[in-house]
């Protein structure tokens, strides 16, 4: 499986707006190869508010197809572009998704959860 970990630094004043936009990623549920997504908040070592979103994909091919054909439209639909200060994306390949999620130190936001339908 491929895991996509997205880390966004969000200004305190934009946290509610970011959260509302993040809850609009439900279109992912219909994308081929997508399995699930979850995320939440943490405070980084500098005291800044950080959003962490983790997406799980069947494999890299499905993820790359999504990025090439669907990502930009879904992102535009969420109107999330101006709700964060910076973004960092990391990709991992693993068979143990549960362990990956257990290691995250987050206040999970239930509205951010998306499951494959």
PDB file of N, CA and C in Angstrom:
ATOM      1  N   UNK A   1       0.828  -1.177   0.000  1.00  0.00           N
ATOM      2  CA  UNK A   1       0.000   0.000   0.000  1.00  0.00           C
ATOM      3  C   UNK A   1       0.872   1.241   0.000  1.00  0.00           C
ATOM      4  N   UNK A   2       0.301   2.303  -0.545  1.00  0.00           N
ATOM      5  CA  UNK A   2       0.989   3.585  -0.565  1.00  0.00           C
ATOM      6  C   UNK A   2       0.282   4.516   0.420  1.00  0.00           C
ATOM      7  N   UNK A   3       1.060   5.176   1.248  1.00  0.00           N
ATOM      8  CA  UNK A   3       0.525   6.147   2.194  1.00  0.00           C
ATOM      9  C   UNK A   3       1.023   7.524   1.790  1.00  0.00           C
ATOM     10  N   UNK A   4       0.090   8.452   1.735  1.00  0.00           N
ATOM     11  CA  UNK A   4       0.413   9.855   1.467  1.00  0.00           C
ATOM     12  C   UNK A   4       0.175  10.627   2.753  1.00  0.00           C
ATOM     13  N   UNK A   5       1.222  11.233   3.275  1.00  0.00           N
ATOM     14  CA  UNK A   5       1.123  12.038   4.489  1.00  0.00           C
ATOM     15  C   UNK A   5       1.290  13.500   4.098  1.00  0.00           C
ATOM     16  N   UNK A   6       0.272  14.292   4.390  1.00  0.00           N
ATOM     17  CA  UNK A   6       0.271  15.714   4.057  1.00  0.00           C
ATOM     18  C   UNK A   6       0.340  16.503   5.358  1.00  0.00           C
ATOM     19  N   UNK A   7       1.294  17.409   5.437  1.00  0.00           N
ATOM     20  CA  UNK A   7       1.455  18.258   6.616  1.00  0.00           C
ATOM     21  C   UNK A   7       1.270  19.711   6.168  1.00  0.00           C
ATOM     22  N   UNK A   8       0.276  20.373   6.744  1.00  0.00           N
ATOM     23  CA  UNK A   8      -0.004  21.768   6.412  1.00  0.00           C
ATOM     24  C   UNK A   8       0.142  22.630   7.658  1.00  0.00           C
ATOM     25  N   UNK A   9       0.904  23.704   7.550  1.00  0.00           N
ATOM     26  CA  UNK A   9       0.973  24.679   8.631  1.00  0.00           C
ATOM     27  C   UNK A   9      -0.164  25.662   8.397  1.00  0.00           C
ATOM     28  N   UNK A  10      -0.971  25.849   9.436  1.00  0.00           N
ATOM     29  CA  UNK A  10      -2.192  26.637   9.328  1.00  0.00           C
ATOM     30  C   UNK A  10      -2.174  27.735  10.388  1.00  0.00           C
ATOM     31  N   UNK A  11      -2.461  28.962   9.972  1.00  0.00           N
ATOM     32  CA  UNK A  11      -2.571  30.056  10.935  1.00  0.00           C
ATOM     33  C   UNK A  11      -3.790  29.802  11.816  1.00  0.00           C
ATOM     34  N   UNK A  12      -3.676  30.140  13.087  1.00  0.00           N
ATOM     35  CA  UNK A  12      -4.800  29.951  14.023  1.00  0.00           C
ATOM     36  C   UNK A  12      -6.080  30.562  13.462  1.00  0.00           C
ATOM     37  N   UNK A  13      -5.956  31.711  12.819  1.00  0.00           N
ATOM     38  CA  UNK A  13      -7.125  32.411  12.280  1.00  0.00           C
ATOM     39  C   UNK A  13      -7.760  31.679  11.100  1.00  0.00           C
ATOM     40  N   UNK A  14      -7.043  30.732  10.504  1.00  0.00           N
ATOM     41  CA  UNK A  14      -7.551  29.991   9.350  1.00  0.00           C
ATOM     42  C   UNK A  14      -7.958  28.557   9.702  1.00  0.00           C
ATOM     43  N   UNK A  15      -7.810  28.154  10.956  1.00  0.00           N
ATOM     44  CA  UNK A  15      -8.038  26.762  11.342  1.00  0.00           C
ATOM     45  C   UNK A  15      -9.462  26.294  11.025  1.00  0.00           C
ATOM     46  N   UNK A  16     -10.442  27.092  11.336  1.00  0.00           N
ATOM     47  CA  UNK A  16     -11.828  26.686  11.079  1.00  0.00           C
ATOM     48  C   UNK A  16     -12.088  26.568   9.574  1.00  0.00           C
ATOM     49  N   UNK A  17     -11.581  27.525   8.810  1.00  0.00           N
ATOM     50  CA  UNK A  17     -11.749  27.502   7.358  1.00  0.00           C
ATOM     51  C   UNK A  17     -11.052  26.284   6.752  1.00  0.00           C
ATOM     52  N   UNK A  18      -9.831  25.993   7.219  1.00  0.00           N
ATOM     53  CA  UNK A  18      -9.104  24.819   6.736  1.00  0.00           C
ATOM     54  C   UNK A  18      -9.906  23.557   7.033  1.00  0.00           C
ATOM     55  N   UNK A  19     -10.396  23.440   8.243  1.00  0.00           N
ATOM     56  CA  UNK A  19     -11.135  22.252   8.656  1.00  0.00           C
ATOM     57  C   UNK A  19     -12.390  22.049   7.806  1.00  0.00           C
ATOM     58  N   UNK A  20     -13.127  23.122   7.555  1.00  0.00           N
ATOM     59  CA  UNK A  20     -14.318  23.028   6.706  1.00  0.00           C
ATOM     60  C   UNK A  20     -13.948  22.549   5.304  1.00  0.00           C
ATOM     61  N   UNK A  21     -12.875  23.097   4.756  1.00  0.00           N
ATOM     62  CA  UNK A  21     -12.435  22.693   3.413  1.00  0.00           C
ATOM     63  C   UNK A  21     -11.968  21.244   3.400  1.00  0.00           C
ATOM     64  N   UNK A  22     -11.247  20.836   4.445  1.00  0.00           N
ATOM     65  CA  UNK A  22     -10.749  19.456   4.502  1.00  0.00           C
ATOM     66  C   UNK A  22     -11.901  18.456   4.558  1.00  0.00           C
ATOM     67  N   UNK A  23     -13.002  18.856   5.157  1.00  0.00           N
ATOM     68  CA  UNK A  23     -14.149  17.948   5.258  1.00  0.00           C
ATOM     69  C   UNK A  23     -14.875  17.781   3.927  1.00  0.00           C
ATOM     70  N   UNK A  24     -14.447  18.493   2.886  1.00  0.00           N
ATOM     71  CA  UNK A  24     -15.083  18.412   1.566  1.00  0.00           C
ATOM     72  C   UNK A  24     -14.357  17.481   0.594  1.00  0.00           C
ATOM     73  N   UNK A  25     -13.467  16.639   1.098  1.00  0.00           N
ATOM     74  CA  UNK A  25     -12.722  15.727   0.225  1.00  0.00           C
ATOM     75  C   UNK A  25     -13.465  14.415  -0.030  1.00  0.00           C
ATOM     76  N   UNK A  26     -14.754  14.375   0.191  1.00  0.00           N
ATOM     77  CA  UNK A  26     -15.516  13.125   0.046  1.00  0.00           C
ATOM     78  C   UNK A  26     -15.487  12.549  -1.369  1.00  0.00           C
ATOM     79  N   UNK A  27     -15.200  13.375  -2.366  1.00  0.00           N
ATOM     80  CA  UNK A  27     -15.102  12.870  -3.744  1.00  0.00           C
ATOM     81  C   UNK A  27     -14.034  11.787  -3.877  1.00  0.00           C
ATOM     82  N   UNK A  28     -13.075  11.782  -2.965  1.00  0.00           N
ATOM     83  CA  UNK A  28     -12.041  10.743  -2.977  1.00  0.00           C
ATOM     84  C   UNK A  28     -12.639   9.342  -2.883  1.00  0.00           C
ATOM     85  N   UNK A  29     -13.759   9.222  -2.223  1.00  0.00           N
ATOM     86  CA  UNK A  29     -14.342   7.907  -1.953  1.00  0.00           C
ATOM     87  C   UNK A  29     -14.651   7.123  -3.223  1.00  0.00           C
ATOM     88  N   UNK A  30     -14.740   7.807  -4.354  1.00  0.00           N
ATOM     89  CA  UNK A  30     -15.090   7.150  -5.614  1.00  0.00           C
ATOM     90  C   UNK A  30     -13.897   6.951  -6.540  1.00  0.00           C
ATOM     91  N   UNK A  31     -12.717   7.368  -6.102  1.00  0.00           N
ATOM     92  CA  UNK A  31     -11.528   7.283  -6.943  1.00  0.00           C
ATOM     93  C   UNK A  31     -10.953   5.870  -6.888  1.00  0.00           C
ATOM     94  N   UNK A  32     -10.668   5.319  -8.064  1.00  0.00           N
ATOM     95  CA  UNK A  32     -10.120   3.961  -8.156  1.00  0.00           C
ATOM     96  C   UNK A  32      -8.796   3.863  -7.392  1.00  0.00           C
ATOM     97  N   UNK A  33      -8.701   2.876  -6.518  1.00  0.00           N
ATOM     98  CA  UNK A  33      -7.474   2.624  -5.776  1.00  0.00           C
ATOM     99  C   UNK A  33      -7.376   3.340  -4.443  1.00  0.00           C
ATOM    100  N   UNK A  34      -8.276   4.302  -4.208  1.00  0.00           N
ATOM    101  CA  UNK A  34      -8.284   4.990  -2.926  1.00  0.00           C
ATOM    102  C   UNK A  34      -8.888   4.071  -1.872  1.00  0.00           C
ATOM    103  N   UNK A  35      -8.315   4.065  -0.670  1.00  0.00           N
ATOM    104  CA  UNK A  35      -8.813   3.197   0.393  1.00  0.00           C
ATOM    105  C   UNK A  35      -9.416   4.000   1.546  1.00  0.00           C
ATOM    106  N   UNK A  36      -8.659   4.965   2.081  1.00  0.00           N
ATOM    107  CA  UNK A  36      -9.178   5.771   3.189  1.00  0.00           C
ATOM    108  C   UNK A  36      -8.290   6.982   3.425  1.00  0.00           C
ATOM    109  N   UNK A  37      -8.879   7.949   4.140  1.00  0.00           N
ATOM    110  CA  UNK A  37      -8.136   9.139   4.533  1.00  0.00           C
ATOM    111  C   UNK A  37      -8.620   9.581   5.906  1.00  0.00           C
ATOM    112  N   UNK A  38      -7.698  10.045   6.714  1.00  0.00           N
ATOM    113  CA  UNK A  38      -8.025  10.566   8.040  1.00  0.00           C
ATOM    114  C   UNK A  38      -6.987  11.619   8.390  1.00  0.00           C
ATOM    115  N   UNK A  39      -7.310  12.412   9.382  1.00  0.00           N
ATOM    116  CA  UNK A  39      -6.354  13.430   9.792  1.00  0.00           C
ATOM    117  C   UNK A  39      -6.834  14.215  10.986  1.00  0.00           C
ATOM    118  N   UNK A  40      -6.006  15.152  11.386  1.00  0.00           N
ATOM    119  CA  UNK A  40      -6.336  15.979  12.535  1.00  0.00           C
ATOM    120  C   UNK A  40      -5.251  17.004  12.792  1.00  0.00           C
ATOM    121  N   UNK A  41      -5.309  17.562  13.989  1.00  0.00           N
ATOM    122  CA  UNK A  41      -4.428  18.662  14.381  1.00  0.00           C
ATOM    123  C   UNK A  41      -3.353  18.225  15.376  1.00  0.00           C
ATOM    124  N   UNK A  42      -2.237  18.926  15.299  1.00  0.00           N
ATOM    125  CA  UNK A  42      -1.211  18.844  16.334  1.00  0.00           C
ATOM    126  C   UNK A  42      -0.493  20.184  16.353  1.00  0.00           C
ATOM    127  N   UNK A  43       0.233  20.421  17.416  1.00  0.00           N
ATOM    128  CA  UNK A  43       1.050  21.621  17.522  1.00  0.00           C
ATOM    129  C   UNK A  43       2.491  21.196  17.315  1.00  0.00           C
ATOM    130  N   UNK A  44       3.167  21.821  16.348  1.00  0.00           N
ATOM    131  CA  UNK A  44       4.536  21.402  16.043  1.00  0.00           C
ATOM    132  C   UNK A  44       5.517  21.922  17.094  1.00  0.00           C
ATOM    133  N   UNK A  45       6.776  21.582  16.937  1.00  0.00           N
ATOM    134  CA  UNK A  45       7.807  21.911  17.928  1.00  0.00           C
ATOM    135  C   UNK A  45       8.006  23.412  18.103  1.00  0.00           C
ATOM    136  N   UNK A  46       7.593  24.208  17.119  1.00  0.00           N
ATOM    137  CA  UNK A  46       7.704  25.667  17.223  1.00  0.00           C
ATOM    138  C   UNK A  46       6.426  26.305  17.760  1.00  0.00           C
ATOM    139  N   UNK A  47       5.444  25.474  18.136  1.00  0.00           N
ATOM    140  CA  UNK A  47       4.193  25.995  18.662  1.00  0.00           C
ATOM    141  C   UNK A  47       3.176  26.383  17.601  1.00  0.00           C
ATOM    142  N   UNK A  48       3.450  26.071  16.340  1.00  0.00           N
ATOM    143  CA  UNK A  48       2.529  26.398  15.255  1.00  0.00           C
ATOM    144  C   UNK A  48       1.499  25.284  15.066  1.00  0.00           C
ATOM    145  N   UNK A  49       0.309  25.668  14.665  1.00  0.00           N
ATOM    146  CA  UNK A  49      -0.762  24.721  14.403  1.00  0.00           C
ATOM    147  C   UNK A  49      -0.481  23.976  13.099  1.00  0.00           C
ATOM    148  N   UNK A  50      -0.571  22.663  13.172  1.00  0.00           N
ATOM    149  CA  UNK A  50      -0.272  21.830  12.021  1.00  0.00           C
ATOM    150  C   UNK A  50      -1.409  20.854  11.785  1.00  0.00           C
ATOM    151  N   UNK A  51      -1.837  20.759  10.533  1.00  0.00           N
ATOM    152  CA  UNK A  51      -2.823  19.762  10.138  1.00  0.00           C
ATOM    153  C   UNK A  51      -2.075  18.618   9.477  1.00  0.00           C
ATOM    154  N   UNK A  52      -2.436  17.394   9.842  1.00  0.00           N
ATOM    155  CA  UNK A  52      -1.826  16.217   9.235  1.00  0.00           C
ATOM    156  C   UNK A  52      -2.949  15.373   8.647  1.00  0.00           C
ATOM    157  N   UNK A  53      -2.829  15.063   7.358  1.00  0.00           N
ATOM    158  CA  UNK A  53      -3.808  14.237   6.671  1.00  0.00           C
ATOM    159  C   UNK A  53      -3.067  13.045   6.093  1.00  0.00           C
ATOM    160  N   UNK A  54      -3.628  11.855   6.309  1.00  0.00           N
ATOM    161  CA  UNK A  54      -3.003  10.630   5.809  1.00  0.00           C
ATOM    162  C   UNK A  54      -3.993   9.921   4.899  1.00  0.00           C
ATOM    163  N   UNK A  55      -3.566   9.695   3.665  1.00  0.00           N
ATOM    164  CA  UNK A  55      -4.368   8.960   2.699  1.00  0.00           C
ATOM    165  C   UNK A  55      -3.729   7.619   2.411  1.00  0.00           C
ATOM    166  N   UNK A  56      -4.567   6.614   2.221  1.00  0.00           N
ATOM    167  CA  UNK A  56      -4.074   5.264   1.940  1.00  0.00           C
ATOM    168  C   UNK A  56      -4.582   4.840   0.560  1.00  0.00           C
ATOM    169  N   UNK A  57      -3.656   4.370  -0.257  1.00  0.00           N
ATOM    170  CA  UNK A  57      -3.942   3.959  -1.631  1.00  0.00           C
ATOM    171  C   UNK A  57      -3.521   2.515  -1.833  1.00  0.00           C
ATOM    172  N   UNK A  58      -4.202   1.820  -2.721  1.00  0.00           N
ATOM    173  CA  UNK A  58      -3.846   0.420  -3.010  1.00  0.00           C
ATOM    174  C   UNK A  58      -2.400   0.294  -3.463  1.00  0.00           C
ATOM    175  N   UNK A  59      -1.967   1.219  -4.332  1.00  0.00           N
ATOM    176  CA  UNK A  59      -0.600   1.168  -4.850  1.00  0.00           C
ATOM    177  C   UNK A  59      -0.228   2.510  -5.470  1.00  0.00           C
ATOM    178  N   UNK A  60       1.017   2.652  -5.830  1.00  0.00           N
ATOM    179  CA  UNK A  60       1.531   3.904  -6.386  1.00  0.00           C
ATOM    180  C   UNK A  60       0.871   4.235  -7.729  1.00  0.00           C
ATOM    181  N   UNK A  61       0.605   3.241  -8.545  1.00  0.00           N
ATOM    182  CA  UNK A  61      -0.012   3.484  -9.854  1.00  0.00           C
ATOM    183  C   UNK A  61      -1.367   4.166  -9.711  1.00  0.00           C
ATOM    184  N   UNK A  62      -2.206   3.672  -8.801  1.00  0.00           N
ATOM    185  CA  UNK A  62      -3.522   4.281  -8.568  1.00  0.00           C
ATOM    186  C   UNK A  62      -3.375   5.713  -8.052  1.00  0.00           C
ATOM    187  N   UNK A  63      -2.436   5.918  -7.153  1.00  0.00           N
ATOM    188  CA  UNK A  63      -2.202   7.255  -6.615  1.00  0.00           C
ATOM    189  C   UNK A  63      -1.748   8.215  -7.716  1.00  0.00           C
ATOM    190  N   UNK A  64      -0.817   7.793  -8.543  1.00  0.00           N
ATOM    191  CA  UNK A  64      -0.310   8.655  -9.612  1.00  0.00           C
ATOM    192  C   UNK A  64      -1.396   8.969 -10.639  1.00  0.00           C
ATOM    193  N   UNK A  65      -2.275   8.014 -10.892  1.00  0.00           N
ATOM    194  CA  UNK A  65      -3.398   8.253 -11.794  1.00  0.00           C
ATOM    195  C   UNK A  65      -4.340   9.316 -11.202  1.00  0.00           C
ATOM    196  N   UNK A  66      -4.598   9.198  -9.911  1.00  0.00           N
ATOM    197  CA  UNK A  66      -5.410  10.199  -9.215  1.00  0.00           C
ATOM    198  C   UNK A  66      -4.776  11.576  -9.324  1.00  0.00           C
ATOM    199  N   UNK A  67      -3.488  11.674  -9.060  1.00  0.00           N
ATOM    200  CA  UNK A  67      -2.804  12.961  -9.115  1.00  0.00           C
ATOM    201  C   UNK A  67      -2.862  13.551 -10.524  1.00  0.00           C
ATOM    202  N   UNK A  68      -2.755  12.725 -11.540  1.00  0.00           N
ATOM    203  CA  UNK A  68      -2.748  13.202 -12.921  1.00  0.00           C
ATOM    204  C   UNK A  68      -4.134  13.610 -13.417  1.00  0.00           C
ATOM    205  N   UNK A  69      -5.188  12.972 -12.885  1.00  0.00           N
ATOM    206  CA  UNK A  69      -6.512  13.173 -13.485  1.00  0.00           C
ATOM    207  C   UNK A  69      -7.581  13.765 -12.573  1.00  0.00           C
ATOM    208  N   UNK A  70      -7.476  13.605 -11.261  1.00  0.00           N
ATOM    209  CA  UNK A  70      -8.587  14.011 -10.384  1.00  0.00           C
ATOM    210  C   UNK A  70      -8.215  15.007  -9.292  1.00  0.00           C
ATOM    211  N   UNK A  71      -6.996  14.961  -8.816  1.00  0.00           N
ATOM    212  CA  UNK A  71      -6.614  15.755  -7.648  1.00  0.00           C
ATOM    213  C   UNK A  71      -6.933  17.239  -7.794  1.00  0.00           C
ATOM    214  N   UNK A  72      -6.501  17.842  -8.879  1.00  0.00           N
ATOM    215  CA  UNK A  72      -6.629  19.294  -9.006  1.00  0.00           C
ATOM    216  C   UNK A  72      -8.089  19.748  -8.985  1.00  0.00           C
ATOM    217  N   UNK A  73      -8.978  18.981  -9.605  1.00  0.00           N
ATOM    218  CA  UNK A  73     -10.389  19.353  -9.606  1.00  0.00           C
ATOM    219  C   UNK A  73     -10.999  19.227  -8.211  1.00  0.00           C
ATOM    220  N   UNK A  74     -10.682  18.142  -7.510  1.00  0.00           N
ATOM    221  CA  UNK A  74     -11.197  17.976  -6.140  1.00  0.00           C
ATOM    222  C   UNK A  74     -10.657  19.099  -5.254  1.00  0.00           C
ATOM    223  N   UNK A  75      -9.376  19.380  -5.369  1.00  0.00           N
ATOM    224  CA  UNK A  75      -8.763  20.448  -4.578  1.00  0.00           C
ATOM    225  C   UNK A  75      -9.450  21.787  -4.860  1.00  0.00           C
ATOM    226  N   UNK A  76      -9.709  22.085  -6.116  1.00  0.00           N
ATOM    227  CA  UNK A  76     -10.388  23.330  -6.481  1.00  0.00           C
ATOM    228  C   UNK A  76     -11.792  23.380  -5.877  1.00  0.00           C
ATOM    229  N   UNK A  77     -12.480  22.252  -5.876  1.00  0.00           N
ATOM    230  CA  UNK A  77     -13.845  22.190  -5.339  1.00  0.00           C
ATOM    231  C   UNK A  77     -13.887  22.460  -3.831  1.00  0.00           C
ATOM    232  N   UNK A  78     -12.821  22.139  -3.121  1.00  0.00           N
ATOM    233  CA  UNK A  78     -12.800  22.341  -1.667  1.00  0.00           C
ATOM    234  C   UNK A  78     -12.541  23.796  -1.296  1.00  0.00           C
ATOM    235  N   UNK A  79     -11.983  24.556  -2.228  1.00  0.00           N
ATOM    236  CA  UNK A  79     -11.588  25.953  -1.967  1.00  0.00           C
ATOM    237  C   UNK A  79     -10.612  26.049  -0.783  1.00  0.00           C
ATOM    238  N   UNK A  80      -9.722  25.070  -0.708  1.00  0.00           N
ATOM    239  CA  UNK A  80      -8.785  24.978   0.406  1.00  0.00           C
ATOM    240  C   UNK A  80      -7.486  25.747   0.158  1.00  0.00           C
ATOM    241  N   UNK A  81      -7.299  26.223  -1.040  1.00  0.00           N
ATOM    242  CA  UNK A  81      -6.025  26.811  -1.446  1.00  0.00           C
ATOM    243  C   UNK A  81      -5.493  27.886  -0.505  1.00  0.00           C
ATOM    244  N   UNK A  82      -6.323  28.790  -0.044  1.00  0.00           N
ATOM    245  CA  UNK A  82      -5.854  29.911   0.770  1.00  0.00           C
ATOM    246  C   UNK A  82      -6.005  29.684   2.272  1.00  0.00           C
ATOM    247  N   UNK A  83      -6.145  28.432   2.695  1.00  0.00           N
ATOM    248  CA  UNK A  83      -6.396  28.165   4.115  1.00  0.00           C
ATOM    249  C   UNK A  83      -5.171  27.665   4.866  1.00  0.00           C
ATOM    250  N   UNK A  84      -4.022  27.557   4.205  1.00  0.00           N
ATOM    251  CA  UNK A  84      -2.813  27.098   4.885  1.00  0.00           C
ATOM    252  C   UNK A  84      -1.620  27.909   4.419  1.00  0.00           C
ATOM    253  N   UNK A  85      -0.573  27.915   5.257  1.00  0.00           N
ATOM    254  CA  UNK A  85       0.628  28.700   4.976  1.00  0.00           C
ATOM    255  C   UNK A  85       1.662  27.922   4.181  1.00  0.00           C
ATOM    256  N   UNK A  86       1.757  26.624   4.455  1.00  0.00           N
ATOM    257  CA  UNK A  86       2.713  25.788   3.723  1.00  0.00           C
ATOM    258  C   UNK A  86       2.216  24.351   3.727  1.00  0.00           C
ATOM    259  N   UNK A  87       2.755  23.568   2.801  1.00  0.00           N
ATOM    260  CA  UNK A  87       2.357  22.167   2.676  1.00  0.00           C
ATOM    261  C   UNK A  87       3.588  21.316   2.384  1.00  0.00           C
ATOM    262  N   UNK A  88       3.623  20.134   2.967  1.00  0.00           N
ATOM    263  CA  UNK A  88       4.694  19.172   2.751  1.00  0.00           C
ATOM    264  C   UNK A  88       4.036  17.817   2.537  1.00  0.00           C
ATOM    265  N   UNK A  89       4.390  17.140   1.462  1.00  0.00           N
ATOM    266  CA  UNK A  89       3.804  15.837   1.136  1.00  0.00           C
ATOM    267  C   UNK A  89       4.900  14.784   1.170  1.00  0.00           C
ATOM    268  N   UNK A  90       4.620  13.684   1.867  1.00  0.00           N
ATOM    269  CA  UNK A  90       5.559  12.577   1.952  1.00  0.00           C
ATOM    270  C   UNK A  90       4.831  11.291   1.545  1.00  0.00           C
ATOM    271  N   UNK A  91       5.510  10.438   0.807  1.00  0.00           N
ATOM    272  CA  UNK A  91       4.946   9.160   0.379  1.00  0.00           C
ATOM    273  C   UNK A  91       5.714   8.012   1.014  1.00  0.00           C
ATOM    274  N   UNK A  92       4.972   6.980   1.453  1.00  0.00           N
ATOM    275  CA  UNK A  92       5.560   5.802   2.090  1.00  0.00           C
ATOM    276  C   UNK A  92       4.904   4.558   1.494  1.00  0.00           C
ATOM    277  N   UNK A  93       5.657   3.494   1.436  1.00  0.00           N
ATOM    278  CA  UNK A  93       5.071   2.208   1.068  1.00  0.00           C
ATOM    279  C   UNK A  93       5.186   1.300   2.279  1.00  0.00           C
ATOM    280  N   UNK A  94       4.051   0.691   2.657  1.00  0.00           N
ATOM    281  CA  UNK A  94       4.023  -0.151   3.848  1.00  0.00           C
ATOM    282  C   UNK A  94       2.894  -1.155   3.757  1.00  0.00           C
ATOM    283  N   UNK A  95       3.007  -2.214   4.516  1.00  0.00           N
ATOM    284  CA  UNK A  95       1.924  -3.191   4.641  1.00  0.00           C
ATOM    285  C   UNK A  95       1.182  -3.018   5.953  1.00  0.00           C
ATOM    286  N   UNK A  96       1.720  -2.192   6.867  1.00  0.00           N
ATOM    287  CA  UNK A  96       1.126  -2.042   8.193  1.00  0.00           C
ATOM    288  C   UNK A  96       0.572  -0.629   8.389  1.00  0.00           C
ATOM    289  N   UNK A  97      -0.611  -0.396   7.839  1.00  0.00           N
ATOM    290  CA  UNK A  97      -1.243   0.915   7.909  1.00  0.00           C
ATOM    291  C   UNK A  97      -1.638   1.253   9.345  1.00  0.00           C
ATOM    292  N   UNK A  98      -2.114   0.270  10.083  1.00  0.00           N
ATOM    293  CA  UNK A  98      -2.545   0.525  11.468  1.00  0.00           C
ATOM    294  C   UNK A  98      -1.392   1.057  12.310  1.00  0.00           C
ATOM    295  N   UNK A  99      -0.226   0.470  12.166  1.00  0.00           N
ATOM    296  CA  UNK A  99       0.929   0.932  12.926  1.00  0.00           C
ATOM    297  C   UNK A  99       1.281   2.368  12.547  1.00  0.00           C
ATOM    298  N   UNK A 100       1.181   2.689  11.262  1.00  0.00           N
ATOM    299  CA  UNK A 100       1.460   4.052  10.802  1.00  0.00           C
ATOM    300  C   UNK A 100       0.523   5.044  11.481  1.00  0.00           C
ATOM    301  N   UNK A 101      -0.775   4.737  11.529  1.00  0.00           N
ATOM    302  CA  UNK A 101      -1.750   5.627  12.161  1.00  0.00           C
ATOM    303  C   UNK A 101      -1.530   5.724  13.669  1.00  0.00           C
ATOM    304  N   UNK A 102      -1.138   4.620  14.302  1.00  0.00           N
ATOM    305  CA  UNK A 102      -0.902   4.637  15.751  1.00  0.00           C
ATOM    306  C   UNK A 102       0.235   5.578  16.131  1.00  0.00           C
ATOM    307  N   UNK A 103       1.199   5.753  15.244  1.00  0.00           N
ATOM    308  CA  UNK A 103       2.358   6.586  15.537  1.00  0.00           C
ATOM    309  C   UNK A 103       2.068   8.086  15.421  1.00  0.00           C
ATOM    310  N   UNK A 104       0.941   8.441  14.839  1.00  0.00           N
ATOM    311  CA  UNK A 104       0.597   9.853  14.681  1.00  0.00           C
ATOM    312  C   UNK A 104       0.115  10.422  16.010  1.00  0.00           C
ATOM    313  N   UNK A 105       0.601  11.571  16.354  1.00  0.00           N
ATOM    314  CA  UNK A 105       0.186  12.245  17.584  1.00  0.00           C
ATOM    315  C   UNK A 105      -0.774  13.359  17.197  1.00  0.00           C
ATOM    316  N   UNK A 106      -2.062  12.995  17.022  1.00  0.00           N
ATOM    317  CA  UNK A 106      -3.049  13.935  16.497  1.00  0.00           C
ATOM    318  C   UNK A 106      -4.308  13.970  17.335  1.00  0.00           C
ATOM    319  N   UNK A 107      -4.995  15.095  17.259  1.00  0.00           N
ATOM    320  CA  UNK A 107      -6.385  15.185  17.696  1.00  0.00           C
ATOM    321  C   UNK A 107      -7.196  14.961  16.424  1.00  0.00           C
ATOM    322  N   UNK A 108      -7.624  13.736  16.193  1.00  0.00           N
ATOM    323  CA  UNK A 108      -8.307  13.393  14.946  1.00  0.00           C
ATOM    324  C   UNK A 108      -9.620  14.152  14.810  1.00  0.00           C
ATOM    325  N   UNK A 109      -9.908  14.562  13.591  1.00  0.00           N
ATOM    326  CA  UNK A 109     -11.139  15.251  13.244  1.00  0.00           C
ATOM    327  C   UNK A 109     -12.020  14.271  12.469  1.00  0.00           C
ATOM    328  N   UNK A 110     -13.123  13.811  13.054  1.00  0.00           N
ATOM    329  CA  UNK A 110     -13.984  12.837  12.381  1.00  0.00           C
ATOM    330  C   UNK A 110     -14.498  13.314  11.018  1.00  0.00           C
ATOM    331  N   UNK A 111     -14.714  14.604  10.840  1.00  0.00           N
ATOM    332  CA  UNK A 111     -15.238  15.135   9.585  1.00  0.00           C
ATOM    333  C   UNK A 111     -14.235  15.013   8.428  1.00  0.00           C
ATOM    334  N   UNK A 112     -12.975  14.790   8.763  1.00  0.00           N
ATOM    335  CA  UNK A 112     -11.960  14.673   7.728  1.00  0.00           C
ATOM    336  C   UNK A 112     -11.853  13.255   7.190  1.00  0.00           C
ATOM    337  N   UNK A 113     -12.524  12.306   7.819  1.00  0.00           N
ATOM    338  CA  UNK A 113     -12.416  10.913   7.411  1.00  0.00           C
ATOM    339  C   UNK A 113     -13.160  10.689   6.090  1.00  0.00           C
ATOM    340  N   UNK A 114     -12.505   9.993   5.182  1.00  0.00           N
ATOM    341  CA  UNK A 114     -13.111   9.584   3.923  1.00  0.00           C
ATOM    342  C   UNK A 114     -12.787   8.097   3.744  1.00  0.00           C
ATOM    343  N   UNK A 115     -13.806   7.313   3.439  1.00  0.00           N
ATOM    344  CA  UNK A 115     -13.622   5.891   3.189  1.00  0.00           C
ATOM    345  C   UNK A 115     -14.021   5.555   1.767  1.00  0.00           C
ATOM    346  N   UNK A 116     -13.379   4.563   1.194  1.00  0.00           N
ATOM    347  CA  UNK A 116     -13.729   4.084  -0.136  1.00  0.00           C
ATOM    348  C   UNK A 116     -15.141   3.543  -0.120  1.00  0.00           C
ATOM    349  N   UNK A 117     -15.912   3.884  -1.153  1.00  0.00           N
ATOM    350  CA  UNK A 117     -17.279   3.348  -1.233  1.00  0.00           C
ATOM    351  C   UNK A 117     -17.397   2.266  -2.272  1.00  0.00           C
TER     352      UNK A 117
END
